[in-house]
Amino acid sequence: MGLLSLAIWTPIAFGALLLPLGRESQVQAVRWLALVGAVISFLVTLPLYSGFQLGTASMQFVERTPWIDAFNIFYHLGVDGISFWFVPLTAFITVIVVLASWESITERVNQYMGAFLILSGLMIGVFAALDGMLFYVFFEATLIPMYLIIGIWGGPRKIYAAFKFFLYTLLGSLLTLIALIYLYHQSGGSFDIATWHKLPLSAHAQTLLFFAFFAAFAVKVPMWPVHTWLPDVHVEAPTGGSAVLAAIMLKLGAYGFLRFSLPIAPDASREWAWLMIALSLLAVLYVGLVAMVQKDMKKLVAYSSVAHMGFVTLGFFVFNDLGVSGGLVQMISHGFVSGAMFLSIGVLYDRMHSREIADYGGVVNTMPKFAAFALLFTMANSGLPGTAGFVGEWMVILAAVKSNFWVGMGAATALIWGAAYSLWMFKRVYLGPVANDHVKELKDIGSREFFIMALLAVAVLYMGLYPRPFTDVMDASVAELLKHVALSKLN
């Protein structure tokens, strides 16, 4: 079995192993088995980095086995510089989520941990799939465990949120399925994504395909105006669900634009770039203002996710190396920062069972160690230089200015909004005198929570201070993608 198959099926196997272990007496064993499974699944991804060849845009660690012969569908896996980092990132966030849910989840622990491990494997499958139908199966399959995580362990309106999540994302994906079937026929009966990249499609066909892909991927990012499902889902989802949703699942949509929309419909991508840029700027500016007036911490961070992901799509559609690389770096950094923000809110919620900003105040007085971590993550969310949150946004702003000064100006303005809503929330929750008796009784984080926060803090600072290992992996694949898009224009 190849490394990518191990990365996909190891967490799925451990997840399946947990499902029958539902007795009360087995809860502690389930937690440890889930942690062992998550750690092994992460360790399996590390040889991918040591074996990854820089300077080539070719797919690496390729596996290809016939799957459904009648339709020429293959179990075809591989990663390049565009998809590589999302494999270890997914496995890393899963370890964090298992640790973070150690005490907060007390009902159906085996199913909860099992769902996250299975979800981890399926999401890695999306990033590694090189067959269109295999990609679609993994892409849709990720909905099932997340739907259950929200619907079973969520808040008071969990059923509403789970249905909204499922319907929004499923309806968008159905148009993509039609696009995949069309490409299958146009390519003479092949689901190979690399073959689709070379198809000579008419301008009309490219436009239809572009909007078919847009329907699925824009909802998943999510872009304005199809972002309305995200705040509801984040508010109702358990802390682990919010962390994985923000850190990884939103990236599936942005990744789809790079793997499908730009290379398969390059002319349509350029023709409709103005629309993508406009929607990205709206997400960055308008949704940033919406975040500022939120009273619920989770809702505020959910809207900030929409704004930060706006930088990703903006970077992709200015069509230069810096923009696409910046968008990818922003996807990875947002994985660390947004995951950390949601887990920080979870730490407070576990103690006070409230996400309302007004219920807090002066937390730094009773939880100084935790407040120090929260300050770092808030600064990263604001885009402070030296943190992961700065690198991708700065690259995208530079790329946008290079393309059009006013677009870059609009994107840069968003950094002010980001600082405003993030720091204002921090001020009201953490600073000042102790607001009430509930805050007065708060206990600071223990060793398990400190370890989780420290891991995320190291990731946020390392990427902020030394992003080169991340960008070196991407460079060749990004250059090849943009070359492909430019050659299509010449033809």
Protein backbone atom coordinates (compact mmCIF):
# COMPACT_ATOMS: atom_id res chain seq x y z
CA MET A 1 0.00 0.00 0.00
CA GLY A 2 1.36 3.43 -0.99
CA LEU A 3 1.92 6.33 1.41
CA LEU A 4 -1.17 8.22 0.26
CA SER A 5 -3.37 5.15 0.67
CA LEU A 6 -1.95 4.74 4.18
CA ALA A 7 -2.70 8.41 4.94
CA ILE A 8 -6.31 7.93 3.77
CA TRP A 9 -7.17 4.50 5.14
CA THR A 10 -5.29 4.47 8.47
CA PRO A 11 -7.65 7.00 10.15
CA ILE A 12 -10.68 5.40 8.47
CA ALA A 13 -9.65 1.97 9.79
CA PHE A 14 -9.16 3.31 13.33
CA GLY A 15 -12.48 5.15 13.08
CA ALA A 16 -14.28 1.97 12.03
CA LEU A 17 -12.55 0.09 14.86
CA LEU A 18 -14.00 2.55 17.41
CA LEU A 19 -17.62 2.29 16.29
CA PRO A 20 -18.50 -1.03 18.04
CA LEU A 21 -16.87 0.08 21.34
CA GLY A 22 -19.93 1.80 22.78
CA ARG A 23 -20.10 0.52 26.36
CA GLU A 24 -19.67 2.94 29.26
CA SER A 25 -16.72 0.94 30.59
CA GLN A 26 -14.87 1.37 27.29
CA VAL A 27 -14.93 5.20 27.14
CA GLN A 28 -11.37 5.77 28.38
CA ALA A 29 -10.01 3.03 26.11
CA VAL A 30 -11.88 4.60 23.18
CA ARG A 31 -10.25 7.98 23.84
CA TRP A 32 -6.76 6.49 23.95
CA LEU A 33 -7.38 4.36 20.86
CA ALA A 34 -8.65 7.45 19.00
CA LEU A 35 -5.54 9.39 20.03
CA VAL A 36 -3.23 6.54 18.98
CA GLY A 37 -5.07 6.33 15.64
CA ALA A 38 -4.83 10.10 15.06
CA VAL A 39 -1.11 10.20 15.97
CA ILE A 40 -0.25 7.19 13.76
CA SER A 41 -2.28 8.77 10.92
CA PHE A 42 -0.23 11.97 11.30
CA LEU A 43 3.10 10.12 11.47
CA VAL A 44 2.20 8.26 8.25
CA THR A 45 2.09 11.63 6.42
CA LEU A 46 5.61 12.72 7.50
CA PRO A 47 7.53 10.54 4.97
CA LEU A 48 5.62 12.41 2.24
CA TYR A 49 7.58 15.56 3.13
CA SER A 50 10.98 13.88 3.29
CA GLY A 51 10.30 12.13 -0.02
CA PHE A 52 8.76 15.12 -1.84
CA GLN A 53 10.89 16.40 -4.75
CA LEU A 54 11.10 20.17 -5.06
CA GLY A 55 11.34 21.93 -8.41
CA THR A 56 8.92 19.68 -10.30
CA ALA A 57 5.23 20.15 -11.05
CA SER A 58 4.69 16.42 -11.64
CA MET A 59 2.36 14.40 -9.47
CA GLN A 60 4.27 12.44 -6.82
CA PHE A 61 3.56 9.30 -4.77
CA VAL A 62 1.21 8.23 -7.58
CA GLU A 63 -0.98 5.14 -7.14
CA ARG A 64 -3.25 3.88 -9.92
CA THR A 65 -5.47 0.80 -9.75
CA PRO A 66 -8.63 -0.01 -11.77
CA TRP A 67 -11.74 0.53 -9.67
CA ILE A 68 -14.89 0.42 -11.84
CA ASP A 69 -13.81 -0.99 -15.20
CA ALA A 70 -17.17 -0.51 -16.93
CA PHE A 71 -16.80 3.29 -16.67
CA ASN A 72 -13.00 3.47 -16.82
CA ILE A 73 -12.84 4.76 -13.21
CA PHE A 74 -9.53 4.35 -11.39
CA TYR A 75 -8.41 4.49 -7.78
CA HIS A 76 -5.85 7.12 -8.80
CA LEU A 77 -3.96 9.09 -6.16
CA GLY A 78 -1.10 11.60 -6.19
CA VAL A 79 -0.06 14.99 -4.81
CA ASP A 80 1.77 17.99 -6.24
CA GLY A 81 2.87 21.27 -4.70
CA ILE A 82 -0.71 22.56 -4.69
CA SER A 83 -2.26 19.69 -2.73
CA PHE A 84 0.69 18.39 -0.70
CA TRP A 85 0.48 20.48 2.49
CA PHE A 86 -3.21 19.75 3.07
CA VAL A 87 -2.48 16.06 3.73
CA PRO A 88 -0.30 16.57 6.87
CA LEU A 89 -2.40 19.61 7.89
CA THR A 90 -5.58 17.48 7.96
CA ALA A 91 -3.87 14.75 10.00
CA PHE A 92 -2.37 17.33 12.42
CA ILE A 93 -5.71 19.07 13.06
CA THR A 94 -7.33 15.67 13.73
CA VAL A 95 -4.79 14.99 16.52
CA ILE A 96 -5.59 18.40 18.02
CA VAL A 97 -9.35 17.81 17.85
CA VAL A 98 -9.12 14.38 19.53
CA LEU A 99 -7.11 15.93 22.38
CA ALA A 100 -9.46 18.93 22.63
CA SER A 101 -12.53 16.66 22.91
CA TRP A 102 -11.02 14.49 25.65
CA GLU A 103 -13.27 15.70 28.48
CA SER A 104 -15.95 17.82 26.78
CA ILE A 105 -17.56 14.88 24.95
CA THR A 106 -19.17 12.37 27.33
CA GLU A 107 -21.96 10.80 25.21
CA ARG A 108 -21.35 8.35 22.35
CA VAL A 109 -17.63 9.03 22.60
CA ASN A 110 -16.77 6.12 20.28
CA GLN A 111 -19.04 7.46 17.52
CA TYR A 112 -17.76 11.03 17.95
CA MET A 113 -14.08 10.05 17.76
CA GLY A 114 -14.81 7.53 15.00
CA ALA A 115 -16.61 10.16 12.91
CA PHE A 116 -13.63 12.54 13.13
CA LEU A 117 -11.10 9.88 12.17
CA ILE A 118 -13.20 8.73 9.21
CA LEU A 119 -13.73 12.36 8.18
CA SER A 120 -9.95 12.93 8.32
CA GLY A 121 -9.29 10.07 5.89
CA LEU A 122 -12.03 11.20 3.50
CA MET A 123 -10.71 14.79 3.41
CA ILE A 124 -7.18 13.56 2.65
CA GLY A 125 -8.78 11.52 -0.15
CA VAL A 126 -10.21 14.71 -1.68
CA PHE A 127 -6.75 16.35 -1.78
CA ALA A 128 -5.06 13.22 -3.18
CA ALA A 129 -7.64 12.08 -5.79
CA LEU A 130 -6.56 12.32 -9.44
CA ASP A 131 -9.66 10.62 -10.85
CA GLY A 132 -12.72 12.87 -11.23
CA MET A 133 -15.21 10.33 -9.92
CA LEU A 134 -12.96 9.33 -7.03
CA PHE A 135 -12.65 13.02 -6.14
CA TYR A 136 -16.44 13.41 -6.23
CA VAL A 137 -17.01 10.33 -4.03
CA PHE A 138 -14.56 11.60 -1.39
CA PHE A 139 -15.88 15.18 -1.70
CA GLU A 140 -19.47 14.12 -1.05
CA ALA A 141 -18.60 11.47 1.53
CA THR A 142 -17.09 14.14 3.81
CA LEU A 143 -20.62 15.51 4.30
CA ILE A 144 -21.82 12.40 6.12
CA PRO A 145 -19.58 12.38 9.22
CA MET A 146 -19.75 16.19 9.54
CA TYR A 147 -23.56 16.08 9.26
CA LEU A 148 -23.64 13.54 12.11
CA ILE A 149 -21.13 15.49 14.22
CA ILE A 150 -23.30 18.63 13.99
CA GLY A 151 -26.65 16.83 14.25
CA ILE A 152 -25.80 14.62 17.26
CA TRP A 153 -23.33 16.62 19.37
CA GLY A 154 -24.35 20.17 18.37
CA GLY A 155 -26.22 22.92 20.21
CA PRO A 156 -29.98 23.55 20.68
CA ARG A 157 -30.61 24.16 16.94
CA LYS A 158 -28.34 21.37 15.77
CA ILE A 159 -30.86 19.66 13.46
CA TYR A 160 -31.59 22.92 11.63
CA ALA A 161 -27.85 23.64 11.27
CA ALA A 162 -27.04 20.10 10.09
CA PHE A 163 -29.79 20.18 7.43
CA LYS A 164 -28.71 23.63 6.26
CA PHE A 165 -25.09 22.48 5.97
CA PHE A 166 -26.04 19.31 4.10
CA LEU A 167 -28.51 20.91 1.68
CA TYR A 168 -26.35 23.90 0.75
CA THR A 169 -23.29 21.80 0.03
CA LEU A 170 -25.10 18.89 -1.63
CA LEU A 171 -27.19 21.04 -4.00
CA GLY A 172 -24.12 22.88 -5.23
CA SER A 173 -22.30 19.61 -5.82
CA LEU A 174 -24.99 18.14 -8.08
CA LEU A 175 -24.14 20.63 -10.85
CA THR A 176 -20.51 19.60 -10.50
CA LEU A 177 -21.52 15.96 -11.01
CA ILE A 178 -23.17 16.95 -14.32
CA ALA A 179 -19.94 18.76 -15.29
CA LEU A 180 -17.86 15.66 -14.51
CA ILE A 181 -20.14 13.45 -16.62
CA TYR A 182 -19.89 15.97 -19.50
CA LEU A 183 -16.08 15.94 -19.27
CA TYR A 184 -16.13 12.12 -19.19
CA HIS A 185 -17.93 12.05 -22.54
CA GLN A 186 -15.84 14.86 -24.06
CA SER A 187 -12.61 13.02 -23.19
CA GLY A 188 -13.73 9.78 -24.83
CA GLY A 189 -14.68 8.01 -21.63
CA SER A 190 -12.00 9.08 -19.13
CA PHE A 191 -12.32 10.40 -15.58
CA ASP A 192 -8.60 11.26 -15.45
CA ILE A 193 -8.31 14.88 -14.25
CA ALA A 194 -4.97 15.43 -16.06
CA THR A 195 -6.64 14.39 -19.34
CA TRP A 196 -9.43 16.89 -18.72
CA HIS A 197 -6.84 19.67 -18.32
CA LYS A 198 -5.80 19.14 -21.96
CA LEU A 199 -9.31 19.13 -23.50
CA PRO A 200 -9.87 21.79 -26.22
CA LEU A 201 -13.24 23.11 -25.00
CA SER A 202 -15.28 25.89 -26.62
CA ALA A 203 -15.78 29.22 -24.83
CA HIS A 204 -19.47 28.38 -24.24
CA ALA A 205 -18.65 24.95 -22.77
CA GLN A 206 -15.97 26.46 -20.54
CA THR A 207 -18.39 29.07 -19.19
CA LEU A 208 -20.99 26.42 -18.31
CA LEU A 209 -18.34 24.25 -16.68
CA PHE A 210 -16.92 27.21 -14.75
CA PHE A 211 -20.31 28.00 -13.19
CA ALA A 212 -21.04 24.31 -12.55
CA PHE A 213 -17.80 24.08 -10.56
CA PHE A 214 -18.51 27.46 -8.98
CA ALA A 215 -21.82 26.13 -7.61
CA ALA A 216 -20.03 23.48 -5.53
CA PHE A 217 -16.78 25.19 -4.65
CA ALA A 218 -18.10 28.69 -3.85
CA VAL A 219 -20.59 27.21 -1.35
CA LYS A 220 -17.82 25.19 0.28
CA VAL A 221 -15.32 28.10 0.62
CA PRO A 222 -17.84 29.80 1.31
CA MET A 223 -17.95 32.92 -0.86
CA TRP A 224 -20.40 35.77 -0.49
CA PRO A 225 -23.45 35.53 -0.99
CA VAL A 226 -23.65 31.72 -0.45
CA HIS A 227 -21.93 31.96 2.95
CA THR A 228 -25.05 32.17 5.11
CA TRP A 229 -24.94 28.50 6.17
CA LEU A 230 -21.54 28.85 7.82
CA PRO A 231 -22.32 31.05 10.88
CA ASP A 232 -25.36 28.90 11.80
CA VAL A 233 -23.35 25.70 11.50
CA HIS A 234 -20.39 27.05 13.51
CA VAL A 235 -22.64 28.27 16.33
CA GLU A 236 -24.36 24.91 16.68
CA ALA A 237 -21.43 22.56 15.98
CA PRO A 238 -19.37 21.17 18.86
CA THR A 239 -15.93 22.77 19.29
CA GLY A 240 -14.12 19.98 17.41
CA GLY A 241 -16.61 20.22 14.54
CA SER A 242 -16.06 23.97 14.22
CA ALA A 243 -12.28 23.54 14.29
CA VAL A 244 -12.23 20.91 11.51
CA LEU A 245 -14.84 22.75 9.46
CA ALA A 246 -12.86 26.01 9.52
CA ALA A 247 -9.37 24.50 9.36
CA ILE A 248 -9.90 21.88 6.62
CA MET A 249 -13.39 21.54 5.12
CA LEU A 250 -13.57 25.11 3.80
CA LYS A 251 -10.28 24.44 1.99
CA LEU A 252 -11.89 21.68 -0.11
CA GLY A 253 -13.79 24.34 -2.08
CA ALA A 254 -10.79 26.61 -2.63
CA TYR A 255 -8.71 23.59 -3.68
CA GLY A 256 -11.40 22.68 -6.22
CA PHE A 257 -10.93 26.02 -8.00
CA LEU A 258 -7.22 25.25 -8.53
CA ARG A 259 -7.67 21.61 -9.53
CA PHE A 260 -10.76 22.02 -11.74
CA SER A 261 -11.92 25.55 -12.59
CA LEU A 262 -8.63 27.21 -13.60
CA PRO A 263 -6.99 24.36 -15.56
CA ILE A 264 -10.14 22.90 -17.20
CA ALA A 265 -11.87 26.23 -18.01
CA PRO A 266 -8.93 28.70 -18.23
CA ASP A 267 -10.59 31.08 -20.72
CA ALA A 268 -13.81 31.25 -18.68
CA SER A 269 -11.76 31.69 -15.48
CA ARG A 270 -10.09 34.76 -16.97
CA GLU A 271 -13.32 36.08 -18.46
CA TRP A 272 -15.16 35.82 -15.12
CA ALA A 273 -12.20 36.78 -12.94
CA TRP A 274 -13.78 40.22 -12.37
CA LEU A 275 -16.79 38.51 -10.76
CA MET A 276 -14.60 36.34 -8.53
CA ILE A 277 -12.52 39.36 -7.50
CA ALA A 278 -15.67 41.40 -6.76
CA LEU A 279 -17.20 38.60 -4.66
CA SER A 280 -13.88 38.11 -2.85
CA LEU A 281 -13.64 41.82 -2.01
CA LEU A 282 -17.24 41.81 -0.80
CA ALA A 283 -16.40 38.88 1.48
CA VAL A 284 -13.28 40.62 2.74
CA LEU A 285 -14.86 44.05 3.33
CA TYR A 286 -18.60 43.60 3.94
CA VAL A 287 -18.41 40.35 5.91
CA GLY A 288 -15.60 41.90 7.97
CA LEU A 289 -18.01 44.66 9.01
CA VAL A 290 -20.71 42.06 9.78
CA ALA A 291 -18.21 40.26 12.04
CA MET A 292 -17.62 43.47 13.98
CA VAL A 293 -21.20 43.68 15.28
CA GLN A 294 -21.55 40.05 16.42
CA LYS A 295 -22.32 39.36 20.08
CA ASP A 296 -21.53 35.63 19.92
CA MET A 297 -17.79 34.79 19.84
CA LYS A 298 -18.25 31.76 17.58
CA LYS A 299 -20.36 33.73 15.12
CA LEU A 300 -17.74 36.49 15.03
CA VAL A 301 -14.95 34.02 14.21
CA ALA A 302 -17.22 32.29 11.66
CA TYR A 303 -17.73 35.55 9.77
CA SER A 304 -14.01 36.28 10.05
CA SER A 305 -13.41 32.90 8.34
CA VAL A 306 -15.49 34.05 5.36
CA ALA A 307 -13.43 37.26 5.21
CA HIS A 308 -10.10 35.42 5.44
CA MET A 309 -11.13 32.90 2.77
CA GLY A 310 -11.97 35.91 0.56
CA PHE A 311 -8.22 36.55 0.39
CA VAL A 312 -7.75 33.00 -0.92
CA THR A 313 -10.12 33.35 -3.88
CA LEU A 314 -8.83 36.88 -4.55
CA GLY A 315 -5.27 35.55 -4.79
CA PHE A 316 -6.27 32.76 -7.18
CA PHE A 317 -8.01 35.04 -9.66
CA VAL A 318 -5.40 37.80 -10.05
CA PHE A 319 -3.40 35.21 -12.06
CA ASN A 320 0.15 35.72 -10.89
CA ASP A 321 2.56 33.49 -8.96
CA LEU A 322 2.49 35.60 -5.83
CA GLY A 323 -1.32 35.63 -5.72
CA VAL A 324 -1.85 31.87 -6.16
CA SER A 325 0.99 31.00 -3.75
CA GLY A 326 -0.38 33.60 -1.31
CA GLY A 327 -3.84 32.06 -1.55
CA LEU A 328 -2.41 28.61 -0.78
CA VAL A 329 -0.35 29.94 2.13
CA GLN A 330 -3.47 31.71 3.43
CA MET A 331 -5.38 28.40 3.27
CA ILE A 332 -2.75 26.66 5.40
CA SER A 333 -2.31 29.54 7.87
CA HIS A 334 -6.09 29.92 8.21
CA GLY A 335 -6.16 26.21 9.08
CA PHE A 336 -3.90 26.84 12.08
CA VAL A 337 -5.32 30.22 13.15
CA SER A 338 -9.06 29.55 12.77
CA GLY A 339 -8.68 26.13 14.41
CA ALA A 340 -6.89 27.82 17.32
CA MET A 341 -9.56 30.54 17.59
CA PHE A 342 -12.43 28.04 17.74
CA LEU A 343 -10.61 25.81 20.23
CA SER A 344 -9.93 28.87 22.42
CA ILE A 345 -13.64 29.67 22.44
CA GLY A 346 -14.24 26.00 23.31
CA VAL A 347 -11.97 26.31 26.37
CA LEU A 348 -14.15 29.16 27.68
CA TYR A 349 -17.42 27.47 26.71
CA ASP A 350 -16.47 24.25 28.55
CA ARG A 351 -16.13 26.31 31.74
CA MET A 352 -19.01 28.82 31.46
CA HIS A 353 -21.35 27.31 28.85
CA SER A 354 -21.73 30.67 27.15
CA ARG A 355 -20.34 32.15 23.95
CA GLU A 356 -21.82 35.61 24.52
CA ILE A 357 -19.11 38.29 24.67
CA ALA A 358 -21.16 40.24 27.24
CA ASP A 359 -20.93 37.35 29.73
CA TYR A 360 -17.17 37.73 29.96
CA GLY A 361 -14.63 40.38 30.95
CA GLY A 362 -11.33 40.29 32.80
CA VAL A 363 -10.57 36.64 31.96
CA VAL A 364 -6.84 37.49 31.99
CA ASN A 365 -7.08 37.92 35.77
CA THR A 366 -8.19 34.34 36.38
CA MET A 367 -6.69 32.53 33.33
CA PRO A 368 -3.37 34.31 32.58
CA LYS A 369 -1.68 31.39 30.77
CA PHE A 370 -4.70 30.85 28.54
CA ALA A 371 -5.08 34.60 27.88
CA ALA A 372 -1.47 34.72 26.61
CA PHE A 373 -2.23 32.03 24.01
CA ALA A 374 -5.54 33.70 23.12
CA LEU A 375 -3.70 36.99 22.53
CA LEU A 376 -1.26 35.31 20.12
CA PHE A 377 -4.09 33.68 18.16
CA THR A 378 -6.08 36.94 18.11
CA MET A 379 -3.04 38.80 16.77
CA ALA A 380 -2.58 36.12 14.11
CA ASN A 381 -6.26 36.49 13.18
CA SER A 382 -5.60 40.24 12.83
CA GLY A 383 -2.70 39.59 10.43
CA LEU A 384 0.18 40.61 12.73
CA PRO A 385 3.62 40.32 11.04
CA GLY A 386 5.53 37.38 12.46
CA THR A 387 2.43 35.20 12.71
CA ALA A 388 0.94 32.79 10.15
CA GLY A 389 -2.03 35.11 9.59
CA PHE A 390 0.18 37.78 8.01
CA VAL A 391 2.11 35.87 5.34
CA GLY A 392 -0.66 34.75 2.97
CA GLU A 393 -2.66 37.97 3.24
CA TRP A 394 0.44 40.09 2.57
CA MET A 395 1.33 38.01 -0.51
CA VAL A 396 -2.24 38.33 -1.85
CA ILE A 397 -2.30 42.10 -1.25
CA LEU A 398 1.02 42.52 -3.09
CA ALA A 399 -0.27 40.39 -5.96
CA ALA A 400 -3.54 42.35 -6.09
CA VAL A 401 -1.70 45.70 -6.18
CA LYS A 402 0.44 44.34 -9.03
CA SER A 403 -2.75 43.47 -10.92
CA ASN A 404 -4.87 46.50 -10.00
CA PHE A 405 -4.04 49.12 -7.37
CA TRP A 406 -7.65 49.67 -6.23
CA VAL A 407 -8.28 45.95 -5.78
CA GLY A 408 -5.14 45.78 -3.64
CA MET A 409 -6.25 48.86 -1.73
CA GLY A 410 -9.62 47.24 -0.97
CA ALA A 411 -7.94 44.04 0.22
CA ALA A 412 -5.48 45.98 2.40
CA THR A 413 -8.38 47.85 4.03
CA ALA A 414 -9.68 44.50 5.23
CA LEU A 415 -6.64 44.07 7.44
CA ILE A 416 -7.94 47.06 9.43
CA TRP A 417 -11.36 45.41 9.79
CA GLY A 418 -9.66 42.15 10.86
CA ALA A 419 -7.68 43.92 13.54
CA ALA A 420 -10.76 45.87 14.68
CA TYR A 421 -13.14 42.94 15.25
CA SER A 422 -10.46 40.58 16.60
CA LEU A 423 -8.89 43.02 19.07
CA TRP A 424 -12.23 44.46 20.17
CA MET A 425 -13.46 40.97 21.01
CA PHE A 426 -10.22 40.26 22.91
CA LYS A 427 -10.55 43.52 24.85
CA ARG A 428 -14.13 42.80 25.93
CA VAL A 429 -13.54 39.14 26.84
CA TYR A 430 -10.08 39.13 28.39
CA LEU A 431 -9.06 42.63 29.54
CA GLY A 432 -10.27 44.93 32.33
CA PRO A 433 -11.50 43.98 35.82
CA VAL A 434 -13.24 40.66 36.50
CA ALA A 435 -16.78 41.18 35.19
CA ASN A 436 -18.77 38.75 37.37
CA ASP A 437 -18.59 35.82 39.79
CA HIS A 438 -18.58 33.25 36.97
CA VAL A 439 -15.40 34.75 35.52
CA LYS A 440 -13.95 35.00 39.02
CA GLU A 441 -14.34 31.24 39.50
CA LEU A 442 -12.65 30.28 36.19
CA LYS A 443 -9.67 27.93 36.45
CA ASP A 444 -6.67 28.32 34.13
CA ILE A 445 -5.84 25.68 31.52
CA GLY A 446 -4.35 22.37 32.67
CA SER A 447 -1.52 20.40 31.09
CA ARG A 448 -3.66 18.83 28.30
CA GLU A 449 -5.11 22.16 27.17
CA PHE A 450 -1.70 23.86 27.54
CA PHE A 451 -0.17 21.21 25.26
CA ILE A 452 -2.87 21.77 22.61
CA MET A 453 -2.43 25.54 22.71
CA ALA A 454 1.37 25.22 22.64
CA LEU A 455 1.26 22.98 19.53
CA LEU A 456 -0.93 25.50 17.70
CA ALA A 457 1.20 28.44 18.92
CA VAL A 458 4.37 26.81 17.55
CA ALA A 459 2.64 26.19 14.19
CA VAL A 460 1.36 29.80 14.01
CA LEU A 461 4.76 31.31 14.88
CA TYR A 462 6.85 28.92 12.75
CA MET A 463 4.79 29.60 9.64
CA GLY A 464 4.80 33.34 10.35
CA LEU A 465 8.56 33.57 10.89
CA TYR A 466 9.76 31.03 8.31
CA PRO A 467 7.18 30.33 5.56
CA ARG A 468 9.80 29.19 3.04
CA PRO A 469 9.32 25.40 3.51
CA PHE A 470 5.65 25.92 2.60
CA THR A 471 6.24 28.13 -0.44
CA ASP A 472 9.16 26.05 -1.80
CA VAL A 473 6.86 23.04 -2.15
CA MET A 474 4.26 25.09 -4.06
CA ASP A 475 6.39 27.14 -6.45
CA ALA A 476 6.84 24.69 -9.37
CA SER A 477 3.20 23.54 -9.41
CA VAL A 478 1.86 27.12 -9.20
CA ALA A 479 4.13 28.22 -12.06
CA GLU A 480 2.99 25.25 -14.19
CA LEU A 481 -0.70 26.01 -13.50
CA LEU A 482 -0.31 29.67 -14.50
CA LYS A 483 1.68 28.66 -17.58
CA HIS A 484 -1.17 26.35 -18.59
CA VAL A 485 -3.72 29.15 -18.14
CA ALA A 486 -1.52 31.62 -20.13
CA LEU A 487 -0.95 29.13 -23.00
CA SER A 488 -4.69 28.63 -23.31
CA LYS A 489 -5.01 32.39 -23.80
CA LEU A 490 -2.42 32.33 -26.62
CA ASN A 491 -4.22 29.49 -28.36
